[in-house]
Amino acid sequence: NKQYSREEKHILSHIIVKGFPKNKTRRHTFRSADFFETEVIFYDKVWPILKKLKESKNIQEVDEVPQMLACFCDGNDDFVAMVDISYDGYKSIGRQDKITRQHISLFLKLLAHFHALSIAAKEQVPGFVEVASSLKETYFTDRLKDWYNGFLHKRLYHVVRHAVEHELSNEYLAKIDKFFQRDLYSDLCKMIKRQSKLSVVTEGDAWLPNFLIKENNNGIPENAVLIDFQLSRYATLTNDLIHFLFAGVPDYLESNWDELIEEYYQYFSGRIEELGTDKNIVSLVDLREDIEENSHVGLTMAMEATVMSLLDDDEVADLDDLKGDHVPLEEVWNVSPFKDDERNKRLACLIKQAVD
């Protein structure tokens, strides 16, 4: 500021900006305006409350979310501008990348700390729940049934069923048929609306590409942050936890399920206490019961994420080639049953762990 210091300083900041796709059909088909509105609400109204609470407790660590510099939302020229932390060594996890046990612990810790902020805010910040509840539901709400239901039953169900039929016993096939052969979408909408002591601001789309990781010189993961809050909502934390576990690390679940749930809870309760709230406000029993009752949203998202992560490049539609005013989602995400054993086994593994 030359007026006060008589010196001029040049500051370099690397910025990444998210905005609407140029293709109008793509914008309409994927409802870009809805998703950006939710993300802008998160960065502009919700996250500042959580960040301020954390800062007030003098917790010295990198935030769970990259710094937002500016955002705008009018349904036409929406954008979110953030510090590009790739210049600090952060990188994304690929759709089909394998992760280590160290990665799993780091990601569980990140989710737990992020969720704990909401638990403390509910107790300490008047009006927080009202602000958190202003996040617009972008996936599971009655008005969007026609948008998603075709993909859910005409595409996702058949891909999952094929994998289960070829890789698992009839017991699992019967379970997956029962899961889908009902008004599944309406049930998911009802689950999203349930409120409890485990209701928090969730990331909403907790598959691996939405975790950015920083490793040391030896390739050991040392920190991670969350990105992409276009599906963020005020709902049970189980949605994020189940989505991450089943989509990201199904191979670890058979022999490590209890260990992973308990590890998440230790990070979660420990951070709640650091934030100045009774760590027993949510017990491990509460968490286990919520997982039993409310896992279907996370499981459905995990199935979708797993199918998408297993697609080869030539199986993914070029979204910028879409034409017309609107294309049904099931015609864009026109996924078919996998013909190879490897991908069917990967998808069947998820279902087996969920059923078991």
Protein backbone atom coordinates (compact mmCIF):
# COMPACT_ATOMS: atom_id res chain seq x y z
CA ASN A 1 0.00 0.00 0.00
CA LYS A 2 2.00 2.98 -1.31
CA GLN A 3 -0.13 5.51 0.56
CA TYR A 4 1.14 4.32 3.94
CA SER A 5 4.42 2.51 3.37
CA ARG A 6 5.85 4.38 0.37
CA GLU A 7 6.83 0.94 -0.86
CA GLU A 8 5.30 -1.19 -3.56
CA LYS A 9 5.32 -4.96 -3.14
CA HIS A 10 4.52 -7.47 -5.84
CA ILE A 11 2.75 -10.56 -4.55
CA LEU A 12 2.48 -13.69 -6.67
CA SER A 13 -0.47 -15.98 -5.99
CA HIS A 14 -1.39 -19.03 -8.02
CA ILE A 15 -5.13 -19.19 -8.53
CA ILE A 16 -7.49 -21.79 -9.91
CA VAL A 17 -10.97 -20.74 -11.04
CA LYS A 18 -14.01 -22.98 -11.50
CA GLY A 19 -16.73 -21.75 -13.82
CA PHE A 20 -19.56 -22.97 -16.01
CA PRO A 21 -18.78 -25.23 -18.98
CA LYS A 22 -18.99 -23.37 -22.30
CA ASN A 23 -21.28 -26.00 -23.81
CA LYS A 24 -24.86 -24.96 -22.96
CA THR A 25 -26.25 -28.48 -23.34
CA ARG A 26 -23.69 -29.73 -20.84
CA ARG A 27 -24.62 -26.92 -18.44
CA HIS A 28 -28.31 -27.78 -18.64
CA THR A 29 -27.88 -31.55 -18.56
CA PHE A 30 -25.66 -31.45 -15.49
CA ARG A 31 -27.54 -28.55 -13.86
CA SER A 32 -24.40 -26.46 -13.43
CA ALA A 33 -26.32 -23.53 -11.93
CA ASP A 34 -27.67 -25.69 -9.09
CA PHE A 35 -24.30 -27.21 -8.25
CA PHE A 36 -22.45 -23.90 -8.33
CA GLU A 37 -25.08 -22.25 -6.13
CA THR A 38 -24.52 -24.89 -3.46
CA GLU A 39 -20.75 -24.58 -3.67
CA VAL A 40 -20.88 -20.79 -3.45
CA ILE A 41 -23.13 -21.03 -0.38
CA PHE A 42 -20.61 -23.38 1.20
CA TYR A 43 -17.59 -21.14 0.56
CA ASP A 44 -19.33 -17.81 1.14
CA LYS A 45 -21.55 -18.55 4.14
CA VAL A 46 -20.86 -21.94 5.74
CA TRP A 47 -17.10 -22.44 5.65
CA PRO A 48 -16.26 -18.99 7.12
CA ILE A 49 -18.17 -19.94 10.29
CA LEU A 50 -16.29 -23.23 10.63
CA LYS A 51 -12.94 -21.63 9.85
CA LYS A 52 -13.49 -18.84 12.38
CA LEU A 53 -14.40 -21.38 15.06
CA LYS A 54 -11.25 -23.38 14.38
CA GLU A 55 -9.06 -20.27 14.42
CA SER A 56 -10.55 -19.22 17.75
CA LYS A 57 -9.23 -22.45 19.29
CA ASN A 58 -5.68 -21.73 18.07
CA ILE A 59 -5.38 -25.07 16.28
CA GLN A 60 -2.17 -24.73 14.29
CA GLU A 61 -2.58 -26.75 11.11
CA VAL A 62 -3.52 -26.40 7.46
CA ASP A 63 -7.25 -25.91 6.94
CA GLU A 64 -9.32 -28.82 5.71
CA VAL A 65 -10.41 -26.73 2.71
CA PRO A 66 -8.25 -24.63 0.32
CA GLN A 67 -8.52 -20.87 0.68
CA MET A 68 -11.33 -19.28 -1.33
CA LEU A 69 -10.41 -15.88 -2.76
CA ALA A 70 -13.63 -14.86 -4.51
CA CYS A 71 -16.93 -16.33 -5.62
CA PHE A 72 -20.01 -15.20 -7.52
CA CYS A 73 -23.41 -16.70 -8.23
CA ASP A 74 -26.17 -15.40 -10.49
CA GLY A 75 -26.99 -18.52 -12.51
CA ASN A 76 -25.14 -17.24 -15.57
CA ASP A 77 -21.56 -16.31 -14.73
CA ASP A 78 -20.94 -18.29 -11.56
CA PHE A 79 -17.38 -18.94 -10.46
CA VAL A 80 -15.27 -19.90 -7.48
CA ALA A 81 -11.64 -18.72 -7.33
CA MET A 82 -9.27 -20.49 -4.94
CA VAL A 83 -5.59 -20.63 -4.16
CA ASP A 84 -4.05 -23.29 -6.37
CA ILE A 85 -2.35 -25.47 -3.79
CA SER A 86 -0.74 -27.70 -6.40
CA TYR A 87 2.12 -25.18 -6.19
CA ASP A 88 2.51 -26.20 -2.55
CA GLY A 89 2.91 -29.83 -3.54
CA TYR A 90 -0.69 -31.04 -3.37
CA LYS A 91 -1.95 -33.40 -6.04
CA SER A 92 -5.13 -35.29 -6.78
CA ILE A 93 -5.70 -39.02 -6.47
CA GLY A 94 -6.45 -40.67 -9.81
CA ARG A 95 -9.77 -42.43 -10.39
CA GLN A 96 -8.11 -45.84 -10.38
CA ASP A 97 -5.12 -45.19 -8.14
CA LYS A 98 -4.38 -47.60 -5.31
CA ILE A 99 -3.85 -46.01 -1.92
CA THR A 100 -1.90 -47.23 1.09
CA ARG A 101 -2.97 -47.72 4.68
CA GLN A 102 -1.23 -44.43 5.47
CA HIS A 103 -3.45 -42.66 2.94
CA ILE A 104 -6.54 -44.22 4.49
CA SER A 105 -5.63 -42.97 7.96
CA LEU A 106 -4.93 -39.49 6.64
CA PHE A 107 -8.24 -39.32 4.78
CA LEU A 108 -10.20 -40.65 7.76
CA LYS A 109 -8.55 -38.01 9.91
CA LEU A 110 -9.40 -35.29 7.39
CA LEU A 111 -13.07 -36.28 7.20
CA ALA A 112 -13.30 -36.64 10.98
CA HIS A 113 -11.79 -33.21 11.62
CA PHE A 114 -14.01 -31.61 8.98
CA HIS A 115 -17.14 -33.20 10.47
CA ALA A 116 -16.13 -32.33 14.03
CA LEU A 117 -16.19 -28.63 13.18
CA SER A 118 -19.95 -28.81 12.63
CA ILE A 119 -20.56 -30.70 15.86
CA ALA A 120 -18.75 -27.99 17.80
CA ALA A 121 -20.40 -25.19 15.82
CA LYS A 122 -23.85 -26.54 16.64
CA GLU A 123 -23.01 -26.19 20.32
CA GLN A 124 -21.08 -22.93 20.23
CA VAL A 125 -22.27 -20.79 17.31
CA PRO A 126 -25.85 -19.47 17.50
CA GLY A 127 -27.63 -19.78 14.16
CA PHE A 128 -25.13 -22.21 12.66
CA VAL A 129 -27.70 -24.91 11.90
CA GLU A 130 -29.83 -22.40 10.02
CA VAL A 131 -26.87 -21.35 7.88
CA ALA A 132 -25.79 -24.95 7.29
CA SER A 133 -29.33 -25.88 6.31
CA SER A 134 -29.27 -23.20 3.59
CA LEU A 135 -27.11 -25.49 1.45
CA LYS A 136 -29.27 -26.48 -1.53
CA GLU A 137 -29.75 -30.20 -2.11
CA THR A 138 -28.37 -31.01 -5.57
CA TYR A 139 -28.88 -34.78 -5.85
CA PHE A 140 -31.59 -36.37 -3.73
CA THR A 141 -34.73 -34.25 -3.57
CA ASP A 142 -38.17 -34.91 -4.99
CA ARG A 143 -37.95 -32.27 -7.71
CA LEU A 144 -34.89 -34.01 -9.21
CA LYS A 145 -36.31 -37.52 -9.39
CA ASP A 146 -36.81 -37.42 -13.16
CA TRP A 147 -33.26 -36.15 -13.60
CA TYR A 148 -31.50 -39.01 -11.73
CA ASN A 149 -33.94 -41.91 -11.55
CA GLY A 150 -33.40 -43.07 -15.14
CA PHE A 151 -29.68 -43.42 -14.61
CA LEU A 152 -30.20 -45.08 -11.24
CA HIS A 153 -32.42 -47.88 -12.55
CA LYS A 154 -31.61 -48.13 -16.28
CA ARG A 155 -27.83 -47.87 -16.01
CA LEU A 156 -26.34 -48.17 -12.52
CA TYR A 157 -28.53 -51.07 -11.40
CA HIS A 158 -27.76 -53.18 -14.46
CA VAL A 159 -24.00 -52.62 -14.22
CA VAL A 160 -23.96 -53.52 -10.53
CA ARG A 161 -26.31 -56.49 -10.95
CA HIS A 162 -24.20 -57.93 -13.76
CA ALA A 163 -21.07 -57.78 -11.61
CA VAL A 164 -22.80 -59.41 -8.64
CA GLU A 165 -24.40 -62.10 -10.80
CA HIS A 166 -21.04 -63.10 -12.27
CA GLU A 167 -18.86 -62.83 -9.18
CA LEU A 168 -21.00 -63.57 -6.11
CA SER A 169 -23.58 -66.06 -4.87
CA ASN A 170 -27.34 -65.76 -5.26
CA GLU A 171 -27.55 -64.44 -1.71
CA TYR A 172 -25.86 -61.22 -2.79
CA LEU A 173 -27.86 -61.03 -6.00
CA ALA A 174 -31.09 -61.18 -4.03
CA LYS A 175 -29.85 -58.39 -1.75
CA ILE A 176 -28.94 -56.08 -4.61
CA ASP A 177 -32.25 -56.77 -6.36
CA LYS A 178 -34.13 -55.91 -3.18
CA PHE A 179 -32.07 -52.74 -2.79
CA PHE A 180 -32.92 -51.42 -6.25
CA GLN A 181 -36.37 -52.90 -6.87
CA ARG A 182 -38.25 -50.35 -4.78
CA ASP A 183 -38.71 -46.63 -4.95
CA LEU A 184 -35.04 -46.25 -4.07
CA TYR A 185 -34.75 -42.61 -5.05
CA SER A 186 -37.63 -41.55 -2.79
CA ASP A 187 -36.10 -43.53 0.08
CA LEU A 188 -32.78 -41.75 -0.43
CA CYS A 189 -34.57 -38.39 -0.37
CA LYS A 190 -36.11 -39.29 2.98
CA MET A 191 -32.76 -40.36 4.41
CA ILE A 192 -31.14 -37.10 3.33
CA LYS A 193 -33.72 -35.16 5.32
CA ARG A 194 -33.20 -37.05 8.59
CA GLN A 195 -31.64 -34.91 11.29
CA SER A 196 -29.82 -36.20 14.35
CA LYS A 197 -26.88 -35.52 16.62
CA LEU A 198 -24.68 -36.77 13.74
CA SER A 199 -25.94 -34.11 11.32
CA VAL A 200 -23.02 -32.04 10.01
CA VAL A 201 -21.96 -30.15 6.93
CA THR A 202 -20.78 -32.96 4.68
CA GLU A 203 -18.44 -32.85 1.70
CA GLY A 204 -21.13 -34.75 -0.18
CA ASP A 205 -18.98 -36.42 -2.85
CA ALA A 206 -16.27 -38.18 -0.90
CA TRP A 207 -14.62 -40.24 -3.63
CA LEU A 208 -10.85 -40.24 -3.98
CA PRO A 209 -10.44 -37.50 -6.64
CA ASN A 210 -11.87 -34.99 -4.15
CA PHE A 211 -8.99 -35.56 -1.74
CA LEU A 212 -5.81 -33.63 -2.52
CA ILE A 213 -2.71 -35.17 -0.99
CA LYS A 214 0.71 -33.78 -0.11
CA GLU A 215 3.61 -36.21 0.30
CA ASN A 216 7.10 -35.73 1.71
CA ASN A 217 10.29 -36.40 -0.24
CA ASN A 218 10.02 -40.11 0.57
CA GLY A 219 6.53 -40.40 -0.88
CA ILE A 220 4.89 -40.63 2.55
CA PRO A 221 1.55 -38.77 2.74
CA GLU A 222 1.72 -35.98 5.30
CA ASN A 223 -1.37 -33.86 4.69
CA ALA A 224 -4.61 -33.76 2.72
CA VAL A 225 -7.44 -31.34 1.99
CA LEU A 226 -10.96 -31.64 0.59
CA ILE A 227 -12.16 -30.02 -2.62
CA ASP A 228 -15.44 -29.79 -4.54
CA PHE A 229 -18.42 -28.90 -2.38
CA GLN A 230 -21.10 -28.92 -5.08
CA LEU A 231 -22.90 -31.76 -3.30
CA SER A 232 -22.34 -30.39 0.19
CA ARG A 233 -25.36 -30.69 2.46
CA TYR A 234 -26.37 -30.61 6.10
CA ALA A 235 -26.95 -34.30 6.80
CA THR A 236 -25.53 -37.27 8.66
CA LEU A 237 -21.76 -37.65 8.52
CA THR A 238 -22.38 -41.33 7.69
CA ASN A 239 -22.99 -40.29 4.07
CA ASP A 240 -19.38 -39.15 3.66
CA LEU A 241 -17.85 -41.95 5.69
CA ILE A 242 -19.64 -44.77 3.87
CA HIS A 243 -19.05 -43.17 0.48
CA PHE A 244 -15.32 -42.93 1.15
CA LEU A 245 -14.92 -46.41 2.62
CA PHE A 246 -16.88 -48.33 0.00
CA ALA A 247 -15.73 -46.36 -3.04
CA GLY A 248 -12.17 -45.76 -1.94
CA VAL A 249 -10.99 -48.76 0.07
CA PRO A 250 -13.38 -51.76 -0.26
CA ASP A 251 -10.43 -54.18 -0.27
CA TYR A 252 -9.58 -53.18 3.31
CA LEU A 253 -13.05 -53.53 4.77
CA GLU A 254 -13.47 -57.28 5.23
CA SER A 255 -10.81 -57.65 7.89
CA ASN A 256 -10.50 -54.02 9.03
CA TRP A 257 -14.05 -52.65 9.26
CA ASP A 258 -14.18 -52.20 13.04
CA GLU A 259 -10.66 -50.83 13.11
CA LEU A 260 -11.43 -48.18 10.48
CA ILE A 261 -14.68 -47.07 12.13
CA GLU A 262 -12.96 -46.82 15.51
CA GLU A 263 -10.04 -44.92 14.00
CA TYR A 264 -12.39 -42.39 12.42
CA TYR A 265 -14.20 -42.01 15.73
CA GLN A 266 -10.97 -41.40 17.66
CA TYR A 267 -10.00 -38.58 15.29
CA PHE A 268 -13.56 -37.25 15.38
CA SER A 269 -14.06 -37.23 19.16
CA GLY A 270 -10.53 -35.98 19.77
CA ARG A 271 -11.05 -32.97 17.54
CA ILE A 272 -14.47 -32.23 19.10
CA GLU A 273 -12.71 -32.02 22.47
CA GLU A 274 -9.98 -29.77 21.04
CA LEU A 275 -12.72 -27.46 19.80
CA GLY A 276 -14.10 -27.11 23.32
CA THR A 277 -17.14 -29.38 23.17
CA ASP A 278 -17.77 -32.56 25.15
CA LYS A 279 -16.25 -35.36 23.06
CA ASN A 280 -18.95 -37.76 24.25
CA ILE A 281 -21.70 -35.72 22.64
CA VAL A 282 -21.55 -38.38 19.91
CA SER A 283 -20.56 -41.85 21.10
CA LEU A 284 -19.07 -44.72 19.14
CA VAL A 285 -22.36 -46.55 19.67
CA ASP A 286 -24.20 -43.59 18.12
CA LEU A 287 -21.92 -43.78 15.10
CA ARG A 288 -22.37 -47.53 14.63
CA GLU A 289 -26.15 -47.24 14.93
CA ASP A 290 -26.26 -44.42 12.40
CA ILE A 291 -24.21 -46.46 9.94
CA GLU A 292 -26.67 -49.33 10.26
CA GLU A 293 -29.67 -47.06 9.72
CA ASN A 294 -28.42 -44.49 7.22
CA SER A 295 -25.79 -46.07 4.98
CA HIS A 296 -27.88 -46.23 1.79
CA VAL A 297 -27.04 -42.73 0.54
CA GLY A 298 -23.31 -43.30 0.92
CA LEU A 299 -23.60 -46.77 -0.62
CA THR A 300 -25.49 -45.48 -3.66
CA MET A 301 -22.93 -42.73 -4.18
CA ALA A 302 -20.13 -45.26 -3.76
CA MET A 303 -21.64 -47.51 -6.43
CA GLU A 304 -21.92 -44.58 -8.83
CA ALA A 305 -18.38 -43.40 -8.07
CA THR A 306 -16.92 -46.89 -8.47
CA VAL A 307 -18.58 -47.47 -11.83
CA MET A 308 -17.38 -44.08 -13.07
CA SER A 309 -13.86 -44.67 -11.79
CA LEU A 310 -13.63 -47.98 -13.67
CA LEU A 311 -14.57 -46.58 -17.07
CA ASP A 312 -11.88 -46.49 -19.73
CA ASP A 313 -11.32 -43.18 -21.49
CA ASP A 314 -13.08 -44.38 -24.64
CA GLU A 315 -16.14 -45.29 -22.55
CA VAL A 316 -16.61 -41.75 -21.29
CA ALA A 317 -18.73 -39.42 -23.41
CA ASP A 318 -17.19 -36.14 -24.58
CA LEU A 319 -19.43 -33.76 -22.68
CA ASP A 320 -18.48 -30.80 -24.86
CA ASP A 321 -19.97 -32.55 -27.90
CA LEU A 322 -23.48 -32.62 -26.42
CA LYS A 323 -26.09 -30.92 -28.58
CA GLY A 324 -29.64 -29.72 -28.01
CA ASP A 325 -31.27 -28.06 -25.04
CA HIS A 326 -31.05 -31.00 -22.67
CA VAL A 327 -29.93 -34.64 -22.79
CA PRO A 328 -31.28 -37.18 -20.27
CA LEU A 329 -28.60 -38.13 -17.76
CA GLU A 330 -28.89 -41.84 -18.59
CA GLU A 331 -28.03 -41.07 -22.22
CA VAL A 332 -24.87 -39.19 -21.26
CA TRP A 333 -23.81 -41.61 -18.53
CA ASN A 334 -24.67 -44.49 -20.85
CA VAL A 335 -22.71 -47.09 -18.89
CA SER A 336 -23.00 -50.77 -19.75
CA PRO A 337 -22.15 -53.94 -17.79
CA PHE A 338 -18.43 -54.60 -17.72
CA LYS A 339 -17.22 -57.45 -19.91
CA ASP A 340 -13.94 -58.08 -18.11
CA ASP A 341 -13.50 -59.98 -14.85
CA GLU A 342 -11.21 -57.41 -13.24
CA ARG A 343 -13.74 -54.58 -13.18
CA ASN A 344 -16.63 -56.86 -12.27
CA LYS A 345 -14.61 -58.19 -9.33
CA ARG A 346 -13.84 -54.66 -8.16
CA LEU A 347 -17.50 -53.67 -8.21
CA ALA A 348 -18.66 -56.95 -6.68
CA CYS A 349 -16.15 -56.47 -3.84
CA LEU A 350 -17.93 -53.26 -2.87
CA ILE A 351 -21.31 -55.01 -2.79
CA LYS A 352 -19.98 -57.97 -0.81
CA GLN A 353 -18.52 -55.72 1.87
CA ALA A 354 -21.72 -53.66 2.07
CA VAL A 355 -23.94 -56.72 2.44
CA ASP A 356 -21.61 -58.46 4.89
